[in-house]
Amino acid sequence: MTTLLLSLLLALSQAALAAQPPLPSLPSRPALPAVRPLPAPLSVARWWDPPPTPYAAGHRGVDLAAPVGAELRAVAAGRVHHAGQVAGRGVLSLALPNGLRTTYEPVRPLVTEGEEVSAGQVVAVLTEGSHCPGPCLHWGLLAGEAYLNPLTLLARPTPRLLPDPGPAGAPEGAAAGGDAGLSPGPPAGRWPGPSP
């Protein structure tokens, strides 16, 4: 029964992945060795929801739940494009070497405009004033004037199945059929979740 259920779940997940539209590709831009802006696991409070036209309503970034005072890291090496106030909120924008720009708000920048930063360097502290019900980081990504999903910078986590604990009293992983085909190790973090 367990094997049948796992086979069904695997088939359904593969069908769901095949039905998803492909992530935007940037063929002329090299891949970045991106770092998470916050420690794992990322907890997405609101997903990227691009508007149908440049001036329509939408969500041009991803909101990541985090406590006020959380240290924010540069997702890649780059140069500080902007560090200061925009419409009363602290904003940090980093220009990346492949022509992309990533933004963080609301923040208190710890770096100054024009400064070089390295991947993983603490560059800001999360402040109050987000548009989320609770504290969160609004993380954005732009290619020129086009907004992209910033989560595409990060490697997708590897899905892992946990071993079936089996009947009560049996050693862990001693279910019928053993744990053949199951990936060892802890489950992946909370991201990516449902695709927008």
C-alpha atoms as a PDB file:
ATOM      1  CA  MET A   1       0.000   0.000   0.000  1.00  0.00           C
ATOM      2  CA  THR A   2       2.847   2.379   0.877  1.00  0.00           C
ATOM      3  CA  THR A   3       4.606   1.672  -2.412  1.00  0.00           C
ATOM      4  CA  LEU A   4       1.391   2.313  -4.355  1.00  0.00           C
ATOM      5  CA  LEU A   5       0.813   5.604  -2.526  1.00  0.00           C
ATOM      6  CA  LEU A   6       4.402   6.757  -3.112  1.00  0.00           C
ATOM      7  CA  SER A   7       4.167   5.830  -6.805  1.00  0.00           C
ATOM      8  CA  LEU A   8       0.932   7.794  -7.147  1.00  0.00           C
ATOM      9  CA  LEU A   9       2.399  10.847  -5.399  1.00  0.00           C
ATOM     10  CA  LEU A  10       5.505  10.722  -7.601  1.00  0.00           C
ATOM     11  CA  ALA A  11       3.390  10.477 -10.780  1.00  0.00           C
ATOM     12  CA  LEU A  12       1.181  13.389  -9.675  1.00  0.00           C
ATOM     13  CA  SER A  13       4.164  15.584  -8.776  1.00  0.00           C
ATOM     14  CA  GLN A  14       5.834  14.880 -12.133  1.00  0.00           C
ATOM     15  CA  ALA A  15       2.610  15.744 -13.973  1.00  0.00           C
ATOM     16  CA  ALA A  16       2.276  18.977 -11.979  1.00  0.00           C
ATOM     17  CA  LEU A  17       5.869  19.966 -12.751  1.00  0.00           C
ATOM     18  CA  ALA A  18       5.376  19.234 -16.466  1.00  0.00           C
ATOM     19  CA  ALA A  19       2.247  21.425 -16.521  1.00  0.00           C
ATOM     20  CA  GLN A  20       4.015  24.457 -15.012  1.00  0.00           C
ATOM     21  CA  PRO A  21       5.189  27.167 -17.367  1.00  0.00           C
ATOM     22  CA  PRO A  22       8.981  27.289 -17.670  1.00  0.00           C
ATOM     23  CA  LEU A  23      10.871  29.745 -15.508  1.00  0.00           C
ATOM     24  CA  PRO A  24      12.076  32.839 -17.344  1.00  0.00           C
ATOM     25  CA  SER A  25      15.480  32.184 -18.839  1.00  0.00           C
ATOM     26  CA  LEU A  26      18.202  34.698 -19.324  1.00  0.00           C
ATOM     27  CA  PRO A  27      20.308  33.086 -22.056  1.00  0.00           C
ATOM     28  CA  SER A  28      22.657  36.038 -22.460  1.00  0.00           C
ATOM     29  CA  ARG A  29      23.313  36.293 -18.727  1.00  0.00           C
ATOM     30  CA  PRO A  30      25.599  33.849 -16.911  1.00  0.00           C
ATOM     31  CA  ALA A  31      24.195  31.957 -13.956  1.00  0.00           C
ATOM     32  CA  LEU A  32      25.026  33.410 -10.564  1.00  0.00           C
ATOM     33  CA  PRO A  33      26.179  31.423  -7.553  1.00  0.00           C
ATOM     34  CA  ALA A  34      23.353  32.977  -5.515  1.00  0.00           C
ATOM     35  CA  VAL A  35      23.111  33.027  -1.720  1.00  0.00           C
ATOM     36  CA  ARG A  36      19.837  33.230   0.209  1.00  0.00           C
ATOM     37  CA  PRO A  37      19.111  36.753   1.477  1.00  0.00           C
ATOM     38  CA  LEU A  38      17.912  35.241   4.791  1.00  0.00           C
ATOM     39  CA  PRO A  39      18.871  32.022   6.570  1.00  0.00           C
ATOM     40  CA  ALA A  40      17.114  28.800   5.542  1.00  0.00           C
ATOM     41  CA  PRO A  41      14.367  27.872   5.437  1.00  0.00           C
ATOM     42  CA  LEU A  42      12.857  30.760   3.519  1.00  0.00           C
ATOM     43  CA  SER A  43       9.248  31.347   4.492  1.00  0.00           C
ATOM     44  CA  VAL A  44       7.361  32.995   1.634  1.00  0.00           C
ATOM     45  CA  ALA A  45       4.599  35.288   2.909  1.00  0.00           C
ATOM     46  CA  ARG A  46       3.562  36.357  -0.609  1.00  0.00           C
ATOM     47  CA  TRP A  47       4.673  34.970  -3.959  1.00  0.00           C
ATOM     48  CA  TRP A  48       5.771  36.873  -7.047  1.00  0.00           C
ATOM     49  CA  ASP A  49       2.697  37.802  -9.114  1.00  0.00           C
ATOM     50  CA  PRO A  50       3.760  39.790 -12.189  1.00  0.00           C
ATOM     51  CA  PRO A  51       1.269  42.279 -13.588  1.00  0.00           C
ATOM     52  CA  PRO A  52      -0.157  41.652 -17.077  1.00  0.00           C
ATOM     53  CA  THR A  53       1.032  45.107 -18.203  1.00  0.00           C
ATOM     54  CA  PRO A  54       3.733  47.446 -16.842  1.00  0.00           C
ATOM     55  CA  TYR A  55       1.260  49.689 -14.987  1.00  0.00           C
ATOM     56  CA  ALA A  56      -1.261  47.083 -13.808  1.00  0.00           C
ATOM     57  CA  ALA A  57      -1.595  45.771 -10.270  1.00  0.00           C
ATOM     58  CA  GLY A  58       0.621  42.866  -9.286  1.00  0.00           C
ATOM     59  CA  HIS A  59       3.343  41.864  -6.872  1.00  0.00           C
ATOM     60  CA  ARG A  60       6.733  42.646  -8.369  1.00  0.00           C
ATOM     61  CA  GLY A  61       8.800  40.670  -5.890  1.00  0.00           C
ATOM     62  CA  VAL A  62       8.597  38.049  -3.156  1.00  0.00           C
ATOM     63  CA  ASP A  63       7.807  38.717   0.505  1.00  0.00           C
ATOM     64  CA  LEU A  64       9.901  36.632   2.893  1.00  0.00           C
ATOM     65  CA  ALA A  65       8.729  36.484   6.511  1.00  0.00           C
ATOM     66  CA  ALA A  66      11.491  37.479   8.937  1.00  0.00           C
ATOM     67  CA  PRO A  67      11.755  39.293  12.257  1.00  0.00           C
ATOM     68  CA  VAL A  68      12.614  42.986  12.451  1.00  0.00           C
ATOM     69  CA  GLY A  69      16.372  43.198  12.958  1.00  0.00           C
ATOM     70  CA  ALA A  70      17.143  40.174  10.754  1.00  0.00           C
ATOM     71  CA  GLU A  71      20.460  40.482   8.918  1.00  0.00           C
ATOM     72  CA  LEU A  72      20.105  40.467   5.145  1.00  0.00           C
ATOM     73  CA  ARG A  73      22.821  39.138   2.858  1.00  0.00           C
ATOM     74  CA  ALA A  74      23.879  40.035  -0.659  1.00  0.00           C
ATOM     75  CA  VAL A  75      22.617  37.245  -2.915  1.00  0.00           C
ATOM     76  CA  ALA A  76      25.624  37.668  -5.207  1.00  0.00           C
ATOM     77  CA  ALA A  77      28.717  39.808  -5.602  1.00  0.00           C
ATOM     78  CA  GLY A  78      27.991  43.249  -7.009  1.00  0.00           C
ATOM     79  CA  ARG A  79      27.960  46.973  -6.414  1.00  0.00           C
ATOM     80  CA  VAL A  80      25.525  49.017  -4.305  1.00  0.00           C
ATOM     81  CA  HIS A  81      23.278  50.835  -6.786  1.00  0.00           C
ATOM     82  CA  HIS A  82      21.150  52.634  -4.159  1.00  0.00           C
ATOM     83  CA  ALA A  83      21.143  52.709  -0.366  1.00  0.00           C
ATOM     84  CA  GLY A  84      18.642  55.087   1.199  1.00  0.00           C
ATOM     85  CA  GLN A  85      15.028  56.180   1.432  1.00  0.00           C
ATOM     86  CA  VAL A  86      12.408  55.735  -1.282  1.00  0.00           C
ATOM     87  CA  ALA A  87       8.876  56.926  -0.448  1.00  0.00           C
ATOM     88  CA  GLY A  88       9.703  56.902   3.277  1.00  0.00           C
ATOM     89  CA  ARG A  89      11.095  53.348   3.332  1.00  0.00           C
ATOM     90  CA  GLY A  90      14.691  52.187   3.489  1.00  0.00           C
ATOM     91  CA  VAL A  91      15.667  50.503   0.228  1.00  0.00           C
ATOM     92  CA  LEU A  92      18.837  48.751  -0.848  1.00  0.00           C
ATOM     93  CA  SER A  93      19.498  47.954  -4.500  1.00  0.00           C
ATOM     94  CA  LEU A  94      22.480  45.919  -5.680  1.00  0.00           C
ATOM     95  CA  ALA A  95      23.705  45.876  -9.295  1.00  0.00           C
ATOM     96  CA  LEU A  96      24.925  42.394 -10.163  1.00  0.00           C
ATOM     97  CA  PRO A  97      27.661  41.739 -12.746  1.00  0.00           C
ATOM     98  CA  ASN A  98      25.291  40.053 -15.233  1.00  0.00           C
ATOM     99  CA  GLY A  99      23.100  43.140 -15.675  1.00  0.00           C
ATOM    100  CA  LEU A 100      20.496  42.187 -13.071  1.00  0.00           C
ATOM    101  CA  ARG A 101      19.564  44.336 -10.083  1.00  0.00           C
ATOM    102  CA  THR A 102      18.169  42.998  -6.812  1.00  0.00           C
ATOM    103  CA  THR A 103      16.288  45.091  -4.239  1.00  0.00           C
ATOM    104  CA  TYR A 104      15.537  44.764  -0.536  1.00  0.00           C
ATOM    105  CA  GLU A 105      12.970  46.718   1.495  1.00  0.00           C
ATOM    106  CA  PRO A 106      12.202  47.900   4.187  1.00  0.00           C
ATOM    107  CA  VAL A 107      15.769  47.963   5.418  1.00  0.00           C
ATOM    108  CA  ARG A 108      18.478  49.943   7.142  1.00  0.00           C
ATOM    109  CA  PRO A 109      21.395  49.635   4.713  1.00  0.00           C
ATOM    110  CA  LEU A 110      24.790  48.803   6.202  1.00  0.00           C
ATOM    111  CA  VAL A 111      26.607  49.657   2.962  1.00  0.00           C
ATOM    112  CA  THR A 112      26.884  52.836   0.895  1.00  0.00           C
ATOM    113  CA  GLU A 113      26.193  53.667  -2.734  1.00  0.00           C
ATOM    114  CA  GLY A 114      29.015  52.560  -5.040  1.00  0.00           C
ATOM    115  CA  GLU A 115      30.470  50.091  -2.528  1.00  0.00           C
ATOM    116  CA  GLU A 116      31.480  46.620  -3.783  1.00  0.00           C
ATOM    117  CA  VAL A 117      29.839  43.735  -1.909  1.00  0.00           C
ATOM    118  CA  SER A 118      30.552  40.018  -1.902  1.00  0.00           C
ATOM    119  CA  ALA A 119      28.050  37.167  -2.054  1.00  0.00           C
ATOM    120  CA  GLY A 120      26.787  36.383   1.438  1.00  0.00           C
ATOM    121  CA  GLN A 121      27.968  39.680   2.944  1.00  0.00           C
ATOM    122  CA  VAL A 122      25.544  41.206   5.486  1.00  0.00           C
ATOM    123  CA  VAL A 123      24.366  44.359   3.681  1.00  0.00           C
ATOM    124  CA  ALA A 124      21.252  45.496   5.587  1.00  0.00           C
ATOM    125  CA  VAL A 125      18.995  44.961   8.578  1.00  0.00           C
ATOM    126  CA  LEU A 126      15.240  44.428   8.222  1.00  0.00           C
ATOM    127  CA  THR A 127      13.153  47.284   9.680  1.00  0.00           C
ATOM    128  CA  GLU A 128       9.467  47.872  10.347  1.00  0.00           C
ATOM    129  CA  GLY A 129       7.193  49.295   7.694  1.00  0.00           C
ATOM    130  CA  SER A 130       6.591  46.410   5.327  1.00  0.00           C
ATOM    131  CA  HIS A 131       3.350  45.932   3.436  1.00  0.00           C
ATOM    132  CA  CYS A 132       2.893  42.451   4.945  1.00  0.00           C
ATOM    133  CA  PRO A 133       0.602  41.702   7.915  1.00  0.00           C
ATOM    134  CA  GLY A 134       3.766  40.830   9.889  1.00  0.00           C
ATOM    135  CA  PRO A 135       7.406  41.796   9.402  1.00  0.00           C
ATOM    136  CA  CYS A 136       8.816  40.693   6.065  1.00  0.00           C
ATOM    137  CA  LEU A 137      11.464  41.421   3.480  1.00  0.00           C
ATOM    138  CA  HIS A 138      10.203  42.482   0.055  1.00  0.00           C
ATOM    139  CA  TRP A 139      12.869  41.069  -2.268  1.00  0.00           C
ATOM    140  CA  GLY A 140      12.849  42.099  -5.923  1.00  0.00           C
ATOM    141  CA  LEU A 141      14.799  41.348  -9.088  1.00  0.00           C
ATOM    142  CA  LEU A 142      15.001  43.435 -12.252  1.00  0.00           C
ATOM    143  CA  ALA A 143      16.526  43.007 -15.703  1.00  0.00           C
ATOM    144  CA  GLY A 144      16.504  46.574 -17.019  1.00  0.00           C
ATOM    145  CA  GLU A 145      12.945  47.728 -16.284  1.00  0.00           C
ATOM    146  CA  ALA A 146      11.437  44.209 -16.340  1.00  0.00           C
ATOM    147  CA  TYR A 147      10.653  42.594 -13.010  1.00  0.00           C
ATOM    148  CA  LEU A 148      11.594  38.924 -12.582  1.00  0.00           C
ATOM    149  CA  ASN A 149      10.936  36.357  -9.872  1.00  0.00           C
ATOM    150  CA  PRO A 150      13.901  36.676  -7.449  1.00  0.00           C
ATOM    151  CA  LEU A 151      13.504  33.049  -6.363  1.00  0.00           C
ATOM    152  CA  THR A 152      14.855  32.041  -9.799  1.00  0.00           C
ATOM    153  CA  LEU A 153      18.291  33.172  -8.557  1.00  0.00           C
ATOM    154  CA  LEU A 154      18.329  30.362  -6.004  1.00  0.00           C
ATOM    155  CA  ALA A 155      18.902  26.698  -6.674  1.00  0.00           C
ATOM    156  CA  ARG A 156      15.698  24.710  -6.407  1.00  0.00           C
ATOM    157  CA  PRO A 157      15.791  22.429  -3.371  1.00  0.00           C
ATOM    158  CA  THR A 158      16.001  18.700  -3.987  1.00  0.00           C
ATOM    159  CA  PRO A 159      12.735  16.985  -3.030  1.00  0.00           C
ATOM    160  CA  ARG A 160      13.266  14.249  -0.489  1.00  0.00           C
ATOM    161  CA  LEU A 161      10.981  11.579   0.877  1.00  0.00           C
ATOM    162  CA  LEU A 162      11.247  10.586   4.503  1.00  0.00           C
ATOM    163  CA  PRO A 163      11.460   6.892   5.375  1.00  0.00           C
ATOM    164  CA  ASP A 164       8.209   5.268   6.504  1.00  0.00           C
ATOM    165  CA  PRO A 165       8.513   4.613  10.244  1.00  0.00           C
ATOM    166  CA  GLY A 166       6.692   1.283   9.735  1.00  0.00           C
ATOM    167  CA  PRO A 167       4.452  -0.401  12.267  1.00  0.00           C
ATOM    168  CA  ALA A 168       4.687   0.574  15.925  1.00  0.00           C
ATOM    169  CA  GLY A 169       7.753  -0.902  17.535  1.00  0.00           C
ATOM    170  CA  ALA A 170       9.556  -1.603  14.250  1.00  0.00           C
ATOM    171  CA  PRO A 171      12.927   0.064  13.680  1.00  0.00           C
ATOM    172  CA  GLU A 172      12.839   3.268  11.649  1.00  0.00           C
ATOM    173  CA  GLY A 173      12.662   2.589   7.910  1.00  0.00           C
ATOM    174  CA  ALA A 174      11.627  -1.022   8.453  1.00  0.00           C
ATOM    175  CA  ALA A 175       8.329  -0.695   6.595  1.00  0.00           C
ATOM    176  CA  ALA A 176       7.342  -3.290   4.017  1.00  0.00           C
ATOM    177  CA  GLY A 177       9.678  -2.898   1.086  1.00  0.00           C
ATOM    178  CA  GLY A 178      12.312  -1.114   3.211  1.00  0.00           C
ATOM    179  CA  ASP A 179      13.365   2.377   2.248  1.00  0.00           C
ATOM    180  CA  ALA A 180      14.488   1.496  -1.289  1.00  0.00           C
ATOM    181  CA  GLY A 181      14.215   4.487  -3.580  1.00  0.00           C
ATOM    182  CA  LEU A 182      13.936   7.022  -0.771  1.00  0.00           C
ATOM    183  CA  SER A 183      16.456   9.829  -0.518  1.00  0.00           C
ATOM    184  CA  PRO A 184      18.476   9.981   2.699  1.00  0.00           C
ATOM    185  CA  GLY A 185      18.717  13.166   4.728  1.00  0.00           C
ATOM    186  CA  PRO A 186      16.352  15.777   6.074  1.00  0.00           C
ATOM    187  CA  PRO A 187      13.523  17.246   3.983  1.00  0.00           C
ATOM    188  CA  ALA A 188      14.177  20.404   1.973  1.00  0.00           C
ATOM    189  CA  GLY A 189      13.314  23.860   3.364  1.00  0.00           C
ATOM    190  CA  ARG A 190       9.946  25.516   2.909  1.00  0.00           C
ATOM    191  CA  TRP A 191      10.678  27.127  -0.454  1.00  0.00           C
ATOM    192  CA  PRO A 192       9.671  26.763  -3.276  1.00  0.00           C
ATOM    193  CA  GLY A 193       6.099  25.873  -2.362  1.00  0.00           C
ATOM    194  CA  PRO A 194       3.374  26.366  -4.933  1.00  0.00           C
ATOM    195  CA  SER A 195       4.389  28.085  -8.111  1.00  0.00           C
ATOM    196  CA  PRO A 196       2.765  31.434  -8.730  1.00  0.00           C
END
